[in-house]
Amino acid sequence: MSKTKTIKQDDRYFRISSFYVAAFLCVKGLELVNVDKITDPRRAQFVFLDTPERELFLKNYNFGKEDAPEAMIDARKFVMAIKMLKDKLYQDKF
C-alpha cells in the first residue's frame, strides 16, 4: 500500500502561476494575499482571496471575444498591476 502526501487546498484562496492572468485578476479587483515561491521554487504561484466572480473573470479572459466589454481593462491599470506583481515577486517577504 502506497502512501501519498497530499496538500489540502484551502477553498478560500485561488492559486495561479500565470503572470498575466494574475495581473488581469488584480485589475478586476481580486485581492492578492501572497506570492508562493516555496511550494515550487522554479515557478511562483500568485495566491488570491477567492470570490464567486473569479470563475467568470477567468472565463472572460480565456474565452471572451476580443472586443467583449467583460474582457476589456484599462491599459494603465494593467501596467500598474504588472509592476506591482513584479515588485511582490522579487521581494523576499510578502
Protein backbone atom coordinates (compact mmCIF):
# COMPACT_ATOMS: atom_id res chain seq x y z
CA MET A 1 0.00 0.00 0.00
CA SER A 2 1.49 3.31 -1.07
CA LYS A 3 1.03 6.42 0.99
CA THR A 4 0.88 9.63 -0.95
CA LYS A 5 1.23 13.00 0.64
CA THR A 6 -1.48 15.40 -0.43
CA ILE A 7 -1.67 19.05 0.39
CA LYS A 8 -5.20 20.16 1.19
CA GLN A 9 -6.01 23.27 -0.80
CA ASP A 10 -7.83 25.95 1.14
CA ASP A 11 -11.05 26.86 -0.71
CA ARG A 12 -10.84 30.46 0.46
CA TYR A 13 -7.86 31.03 -1.83
CA PHE A 14 -7.24 30.69 -5.55
CA ARG A 15 -3.72 29.97 -6.83
CA ILE A 16 -2.44 30.67 -10.32
CA SER A 17 1.04 30.70 -11.81
CA SER A 18 0.22 32.61 -15.00
CA PHE A 19 1.68 36.10 -14.56
CA TYR A 20 -0.58 37.97 -16.99
CA VAL A 21 -3.74 36.24 -15.78
CA ALA A 22 -2.74 37.26 -12.25
CA ALA A 23 -2.33 40.86 -13.44
CA PHE A 24 -5.76 40.69 -15.09
CA LEU A 25 -7.33 39.42 -11.86
CA CYS A 26 -5.68 42.24 -9.91
CA VAL A 27 -7.19 44.80 -12.26
CA LYS A 28 -10.58 43.12 -11.92
CA GLY A 29 -10.37 43.65 -8.15
CA LEU A 30 -9.31 40.32 -6.69
CA GLU A 31 -7.14 40.71 -3.59
CA LEU A 32 -3.61 39.30 -3.86
CA VAL A 33 -2.75 37.79 -0.47
CA ASN A 34 0.56 36.07 -1.18
CA VAL A 35 3.16 35.10 -3.74
CA ASP A 36 4.16 31.49 -3.02
CA LYS A 37 7.74 30.85 -4.10
CA ILE A 38 8.28 27.94 -1.71
CA THR A 39 5.92 25.21 -2.98
CA ASP A 40 7.69 25.19 -6.38
CA PRO A 41 10.87 27.31 -6.31
CA ARG A 42 11.03 27.26 -10.12
CA ARG A 43 7.56 28.75 -10.62
CA ALA A 44 5.85 31.20 -8.29
CA GLN A 45 2.14 30.97 -7.58
CA PHE A 46 0.02 34.05 -7.06
CA VAL A 47 -2.48 33.49 -4.27
CA PHE A 48 -5.74 35.44 -4.34
CA LEU A 49 -8.63 35.63 -1.93
CA ASP A 50 -11.24 33.69 -3.89
CA THR A 51 -14.56 35.24 -4.85
CA PRO A 52 -17.59 33.95 -6.75
CA GLU A 53 -16.74 36.32 -9.63
CA ARG A 54 -13.29 34.80 -10.17
CA GLU A 55 -14.61 31.97 -12.34
CA LEU A 56 -16.42 34.45 -14.60
CA PHE A 57 -13.30 36.65 -14.84
CA LEU A 58 -11.22 33.67 -15.95
CA LYS A 59 -13.85 32.60 -18.47
CA ASN A 60 -13.91 36.12 -19.92
CA TYR A 61 -10.11 36.26 -20.03
CA ASN A 62 -9.65 32.87 -21.67
CA PHE A 63 -12.69 32.60 -23.92
CA GLY A 64 -14.16 36.09 -24.31
CA LYS A 65 -14.30 37.71 -27.71
CA GLU A 66 -11.55 40.22 -28.44
CA ASP A 67 -13.77 43.30 -28.11
CA ALA A 68 -16.08 41.96 -25.40
CA PRO A 69 -16.56 44.61 -22.70
CA GLU A 70 -16.22 41.95 -19.96
CA ALA A 71 -12.64 41.22 -21.07
CA MET A 72 -11.59 44.83 -21.58
CA ILE A 73 -9.48 46.52 -18.90
CA ASP A 74 -7.72 49.86 -18.63
CA ALA A 75 -4.19 49.60 -20.04
CA ARG A 76 -2.74 51.86 -17.34
CA LYS A 77 -4.25 49.72 -14.58
CA PHE A 78 -2.86 46.61 -16.27
CA VAL A 79 0.65 48.12 -16.42
CA MET A 80 0.38 49.13 -12.75
CA ALA A 81 -0.74 45.60 -11.83
CA ILE A 82 2.24 44.14 -13.74
CA LYS A 83 4.64 46.44 -11.88
CA MET A 84 3.08 45.58 -8.53
CA LEU A 85 3.27 41.82 -9.23
CA LYS A 86 6.92 42.11 -10.27
CA ASP A 87 7.67 44.00 -7.06
CA LYS A 88 5.96 41.31 -4.98
CA LEU A 89 7.62 38.54 -6.98
CA TYR A 90 11.13 39.81 -6.28
CA GLN A 91 10.60 40.77 -2.64
CA ASP A 92 11.96 38.44 0.00
CA LYS A 93 8.83 38.80 2.12
CA PHE A 94 5.29 39.48 1.03
